[in-house]
């Protein structure tokens, strides 16, 4: 059986794409647990995040961008991320925007009914949001080395230190 996510990557089947870059595609889930539920996938096919850590890092970064877009477009109360086993054997991250405090966004909740028009409106709202992403390299500042102040030891202290060293 061919992977449905790989078909989305190749644009063989339609999807409500809300973000795409050279490594990832994010799209709205067509059977969402909440409005705006999205899936972020790598364009490369693999099953577990640790099968390709370098690509997975890019998927996590794209997920952050998508979450920021969702936050600006939908103004949810909270956003949840999950990596859960799925019937689709392709690594992916699910993003759940929680707009109603009564919602149970994860697997426990049944899919909500949502029209294609509403999915299109959500996709357009999220896709058209601009977010600034800073490429930040972390610089580790070196702390000035602490100078050890040499204390003048008493002769009797030196004697006992030497004796202890000789015994050991």
C-alpha atoms as a PDB file:
ATOM      1  CA  UNK A   1       0.000   0.000   0.000  1.00  0.00           C
ATOM      2  CA  UNK A   2       1.343   3.390  -0.929  1.00  0.00           C
ATOM      3  CA  UNK A   3       1.698   6.128   1.684  1.00  0.00           C
ATOM      4  CA  UNK A   4      -1.035   8.772   1.468  1.00  0.00           C
ATOM      5  CA  UNK A   5       1.314  11.409   2.918  1.00  0.00           C
ATOM      6  CA  UNK A   6       3.844  10.716   0.141  1.00  0.00           C
ATOM      7  CA  UNK A   7       1.022  11.276  -2.367  1.00  0.00           C
ATOM      8  CA  UNK A   8       0.308  14.636  -0.719  1.00  0.00           C
ATOM      9  CA  UNK A   9       3.998  15.536  -0.981  1.00  0.00           C
ATOM     10  CA  UNK A  10       3.951  14.687  -4.719  1.00  0.00           C
ATOM     11  CA  UNK A  11       0.661  16.644  -5.094  1.00  0.00           C
ATOM     12  CA  UNK A  12      -1.072  13.531  -6.432  1.00  0.00           C
ATOM     13  CA  UNK A  13      -4.000  14.069  -4.086  1.00  0.00           C
ATOM     14  CA  UNK A  14      -5.395  17.415  -2.935  1.00  0.00           C
ATOM     15  CA  UNK A  15      -4.649  18.814   0.486  1.00  0.00           C
ATOM     16  CA  UNK A  16      -5.345  22.090   2.266  1.00  0.00           C
ATOM     17  CA  UNK A  17      -1.665  23.086   2.435  1.00  0.00           C
ATOM     18  CA  UNK A  18      -0.975  25.850   4.944  1.00  0.00           C
ATOM     19  CA  UNK A  19       2.838  25.831   4.906  1.00  0.00           C
ATOM     20  CA  UNK A  20       5.522  24.359   2.694  1.00  0.00           C
ATOM     21  CA  UNK A  21       9.289  24.620   2.545  1.00  0.00           C
ATOM     22  CA  UNK A  22      12.044  22.519   0.980  1.00  0.00           C
ATOM     23  CA  UNK A  23      11.778  19.817   3.686  1.00  0.00           C
ATOM     24  CA  UNK A  24       8.189  19.809   4.963  1.00  0.00           C
ATOM     25  CA  UNK A  25       4.542  20.267   4.128  1.00  0.00           C
ATOM     26  CA  UNK A  26       1.834  21.233   6.613  1.00  0.00           C
ATOM     27  CA  UNK A  27      -1.838  20.801   5.839  1.00  0.00           C
ATOM     28  CA  UNK A  28      -5.200  20.791   7.560  1.00  0.00           C
ATOM     29  CA  UNK A  29      -6.489  17.424   8.712  1.00  0.00           C
ATOM     30  CA  UNK A  30      -9.643  16.543   6.761  1.00  0.00           C
ATOM     31  CA  UNK A  31     -11.000  14.653   9.803  1.00  0.00           C
ATOM     32  CA  UNK A  32      -9.974  17.114  12.486  1.00  0.00           C
ATOM     33  CA  UNK A  33     -10.466  16.719  16.216  1.00  0.00           C
ATOM     34  CA  UNK A  34     -10.698  20.517  16.448  1.00  0.00           C
ATOM     35  CA  UNK A  35     -10.887  23.450  14.024  1.00  0.00           C
ATOM     36  CA  UNK A  36      -7.504  24.155  12.526  1.00  0.00           C
ATOM     37  CA  UNK A  37      -6.003  20.763  13.415  1.00  0.00           C
ATOM     38  CA  UNK A  38      -2.952  20.431  11.220  1.00  0.00           C
ATOM     39  CA  UNK A  39      -0.404  17.829  10.264  1.00  0.00           C
ATOM     40  CA  UNK A  40       3.241  18.575   9.518  1.00  0.00           C
ATOM     41  CA  UNK A  41       5.152  15.946   7.557  1.00  0.00           C
ATOM     42  CA  UNK A  42       8.625  15.628   6.102  1.00  0.00           C
ATOM     43  CA  UNK A  43       8.766  15.337   2.338  1.00  0.00           C
ATOM     44  CA  UNK A  44      11.099  12.406   2.858  1.00  0.00           C
ATOM     45  CA  UNK A  45       9.389   9.166   3.848  1.00  0.00           C
ATOM     46  CA  UNK A  46      10.380   7.576   7.163  1.00  0.00           C
ATOM     47  CA  UNK A  47       8.489   6.199  10.128  1.00  0.00           C
ATOM     48  CA  UNK A  48      10.025   7.383  13.415  1.00  0.00           C
ATOM     49  CA  UNK A  49      11.558  10.721  14.344  1.00  0.00           C
ATOM     50  CA  UNK A  50      14.865   9.040  15.218  1.00  0.00           C
ATOM     51  CA  UNK A  51      15.130   7.399  11.791  1.00  0.00           C
ATOM     52  CA  UNK A  52      16.367  10.752  10.462  1.00  0.00           C
ATOM     53  CA  UNK A  53      17.118  13.210  13.254  1.00  0.00           C
ATOM     54  CA  UNK A  54      18.323  15.964  10.936  1.00  0.00           C
ATOM     55  CA  UNK A  55      15.088  16.007   8.935  1.00  0.00           C
ATOM     56  CA  UNK A  56      13.004  15.588  12.097  1.00  0.00           C
ATOM     57  CA  UNK A  57      14.575  18.738  13.515  1.00  0.00           C
ATOM     58  CA  UNK A  58      13.386  20.594  10.407  1.00  0.00           C
ATOM     59  CA  UNK A  59       9.886  19.139  10.858  1.00  0.00           C
ATOM     60  CA  UNK A  60       9.827  20.366  14.475  1.00  0.00           C
ATOM     61  CA  UNK A  61      10.914  23.848  13.351  1.00  0.00           C
ATOM     62  CA  UNK A  62       8.226  23.908  10.654  1.00  0.00           C
ATOM     63  CA  UNK A  63       5.698  22.819  13.288  1.00  0.00           C
ATOM     64  CA  UNK A  64       6.630  25.850  15.367  1.00  0.00           C
ATOM     65  CA  UNK A  65       6.088  28.112  12.357  1.00  0.00           C
ATOM     66  CA  UNK A  66       2.698  26.519  11.666  1.00  0.00           C
ATOM     67  CA  UNK A  67       1.706  26.888  15.319  1.00  0.00           C
ATOM     68  CA  UNK A  68       2.620  30.589  15.221  1.00  0.00           C
ATOM     69  CA  UNK A  69       0.526  31.038  12.075  1.00  0.00           C
ATOM     70  CA  UNK A  70      -2.404  29.229  13.699  1.00  0.00           C
ATOM     71  CA  UNK A  71      -2.013  31.347  16.825  1.00  0.00           C
ATOM     72  CA  UNK A  72      -2.197  34.578  14.818  1.00  0.00           C
ATOM     73  CA  UNK A  73      -4.990  33.404  12.509  1.00  0.00           C
ATOM     74  CA  UNK A  74      -7.306  31.627  14.960  1.00  0.00           C
ATOM     75  CA  UNK A  75      -6.344  33.025  18.362  1.00  0.00           C
ATOM     76  CA  UNK A  76      -6.742  29.696  20.200  1.00  0.00           C
ATOM     77  CA  UNK A  77      -6.645  29.332  23.984  1.00  0.00           C
ATOM     78  CA  UNK A  78      -3.801  26.816  23.648  1.00  0.00           C
ATOM     79  CA  UNK A  79      -1.941  24.807  21.032  1.00  0.00           C
ATOM     80  CA  UNK A  80      -0.931  21.200  21.559  1.00  0.00           C
ATOM     81  CA  UNK A  81       1.632  19.188  19.621  1.00  0.00           C
ATOM     82  CA  UNK A  82       1.631  15.410  19.432  1.00  0.00           C
ATOM     83  CA  UNK A  83       3.536  12.600  17.874  1.00  0.00           C
ATOM     84  CA  UNK A  84       1.232   9.628  18.111  1.00  0.00           C
ATOM     85  CA  UNK A  85       1.180   6.276  16.354  1.00  0.00           C
ATOM     86  CA  UNK A  86      -1.029   6.373  13.312  1.00  0.00           C
ATOM     87  CA  UNK A  87      -2.459   4.167  10.619  1.00  0.00           C
ATOM     88  CA  UNK A  88      -0.299   6.148   8.199  1.00  0.00           C
ATOM     89  CA  UNK A  89       3.289   4.914   8.409  1.00  0.00           C
ATOM     90  CA  UNK A  90       4.970   8.271   7.807  1.00  0.00           C
ATOM     91  CA  UNK A  91       6.500  10.445  10.540  1.00  0.00           C
ATOM     92  CA  UNK A  92       4.284  13.433  11.313  1.00  0.00           C
ATOM     93  CA  UNK A  93       3.465  15.971  13.998  1.00  0.00           C
ATOM     94  CA  UNK A  94      -0.115  16.873  14.762  1.00  0.00           C
ATOM     95  CA  UNK A  95      -1.006  20.375  15.885  1.00  0.00           C
ATOM     96  CA  UNK A  96      -4.211  20.902  17.859  1.00  0.00           C
ATOM     97  CA  UNK A  97      -5.417  24.493  18.374  1.00  0.00           C
ATOM     98  CA  UNK A  98      -7.785  24.553  21.308  1.00  0.00           C
ATOM     99  CA  UNK A  99     -10.381  27.286  20.866  1.00  0.00           C
ATOM    100  CA  UNK A 100     -13.010  26.067  23.304  1.00  0.00           C
ATOM    101  CA  UNK A 101     -12.291  25.086  26.898  1.00  0.00           C
ATOM    102  CA  UNK A 102     -14.719  22.165  26.553  1.00  0.00           C
ATOM    103  CA  UNK A 103     -12.756  20.592  23.706  1.00  0.00           C
ATOM    104  CA  UNK A 104     -10.803  17.403  24.144  1.00  0.00           C
ATOM    105  CA  UNK A 105      -8.338  17.784  21.279  1.00  0.00           C
ATOM    106  CA  UNK A 106      -6.450  14.509  21.245  1.00  0.00           C
ATOM    107  CA  UNK A 107      -7.380  10.997  20.218  1.00  0.00           C
ATOM    108  CA  UNK A 108     -10.174  10.754  22.799  1.00  0.00           C
ATOM    109  CA  UNK A 109     -12.272  13.203  20.840  1.00  0.00           C
ATOM    110  CA  UNK A 110     -14.246  12.163  17.787  1.00  0.00           C
ATOM    111  CA  UNK A 111     -13.573  13.979  14.529  1.00  0.00           C
ATOM    112  CA  UNK A 112     -15.719  17.062  14.084  1.00  0.00           C
ATOM    113  CA  UNK A 113     -17.820  17.681  11.018  1.00  0.00           C
ATOM    114  CA  UNK A 114     -16.432  20.492   8.932  1.00  0.00           C
ATOM    115  CA  UNK A 115     -17.365  21.567   5.420  1.00  0.00           C
ATOM    116  CA  UNK A 116     -14.913  21.883   2.561  1.00  0.00           C
ATOM    117  CA  UNK A 117     -15.690  25.609   2.405  1.00  0.00           C
ATOM    118  CA  UNK A 118     -14.823  26.018   6.077  1.00  0.00           C
ATOM    119  CA  UNK A 119     -11.596  24.029   5.585  1.00  0.00           C
ATOM    120  CA  UNK A 120     -10.700  26.319   2.674  1.00  0.00           C
ATOM    121  CA  UNK A 121     -11.405  29.423   4.764  1.00  0.00           C
ATOM    122  CA  UNK A 122      -9.271  28.092   7.631  1.00  0.00           C
ATOM    123  CA  UNK A 123      -6.450  27.137   5.263  1.00  0.00           C
ATOM    124  CA  UNK A 124      -6.483  30.594   3.641  1.00  0.00           C
ATOM    125  CA  UNK A 125      -6.530  32.353   7.001  1.00  0.00           C
ATOM    126  CA  UNK A 126      -3.581  30.351   8.316  1.00  0.00           C
ATOM    127  CA  UNK A 127      -1.603  30.326   5.050  1.00  0.00           C
ATOM    128  CA  UNK A 128      -1.809  34.108   4.654  1.00  0.00           C
ATOM    129  CA  UNK A 129      -0.375  34.887   8.083  1.00  0.00           C
ATOM    130  CA  UNK A 130       3.178  36.150   8.075  1.00  0.00           C
ATOM    131  CA  UNK A 131       5.375  35.165  10.962  1.00  0.00           C
ATOM    132  CA  UNK A 132       8.922  36.245  11.553  1.00  0.00           C
ATOM    133  CA  UNK A 133      11.284  33.446  12.289  1.00  0.00           C
ATOM    134  CA  UNK A 134      14.677  34.376  13.569  1.00  0.00           C
ATOM    135  CA  UNK A 135      17.648  32.310  12.596  1.00  0.00           C
ATOM    136  CA  UNK A 136      19.474  32.538  15.822  1.00  0.00           C
ATOM    137  CA  UNK A 137      22.794  30.991  16.502  1.00  0.00           C
ATOM    138  CA  UNK A 138      23.387  30.528  20.138  1.00  0.00           C
ATOM    139  CA  UNK A 139      26.679  31.836  21.301  1.00  0.00           C
ATOM    140  CA  UNK A 140      27.996  30.463  24.479  1.00  0.00           C
ATOM    141  CA  UNK A 141      29.643  33.118  26.512  1.00  0.00           C
ATOM    142  CA  UNK A 142      32.695  32.048  28.333  1.00  0.00           C
ATOM    143  CA  UNK A 143      32.707  33.054  31.907  1.00  0.00           C
ATOM    144  CA  UNK A 144      35.881  34.614  33.117  1.00  0.00           C
ATOM    145  CA  UNK A 145      37.910  32.036  34.893  1.00  0.00           C
ATOM    146  CA  UNK A 146      37.842  32.368  38.584  1.00  0.00           C
ATOM    147  CA  UNK A 147      41.270  32.887  39.962  1.00  0.00           C
ATOM    148  CA  UNK A 148      42.071  30.741  42.824  1.00  0.00           C
ATOM    149  CA  UNK A 149      43.538  32.752  45.566  1.00  0.00           C
ATOM    150  CA  UNK A 150      46.425  30.910  47.007  1.00  0.00           C
ATOM    151  CA  UNK A 151      46.299  31.010  50.703  1.00  0.00           C
ATOM    152  CA  UNK A 152      49.443  30.936  52.654  1.00  0.00           C
ATOM    153  CA  UNK A 153      49.382  27.707  54.583  1.00  0.00           C
ATOM    154  CA  UNK A 154      50.794  27.295  57.989  1.00  0.00           C
ATOM    155  CA  UNK A 155      53.802  24.963  58.231  1.00  0.00           C
ATOM    156  CA  UNK A 156      51.897  22.518  60.431  1.00  0.00           C
ATOM    157  CA  UNK A 157      49.071  22.330  57.826  1.00  0.00           C
ATOM    158  CA  UNK A 158      51.608  21.564  55.114  1.00  0.00           C
ATOM    159  CA  UNK A 159      53.093  18.828  57.289  1.00  0.00           C
ATOM    160  CA  UNK A 160      49.698  17.119  57.747  1.00  0.00           C
ATOM    161  CA  UNK A 161      48.780  17.425  54.059  1.00  0.00           C
ATOM    162  CA  UNK A 162      52.086  15.835  53.020  1.00  0.00           C
ATOM    163  CA  UNK A 163      51.714  13.099  55.605  1.00  0.00           C
ATOM    164  CA  UNK A 164      48.199  12.319  54.388  1.00  0.00           C
ATOM    165  CA  UNK A 165      49.420  12.111  50.798  1.00  0.00           C
ATOM    166  CA  UNK A 166      52.274   9.801  51.751  1.00  0.00           C
ATOM    167  CA  UNK A 167      49.934   7.475  53.603  1.00  0.00           C
ATOM    168  CA  UNK A 168      47.558   7.201  50.648  1.00  0.00           C
END
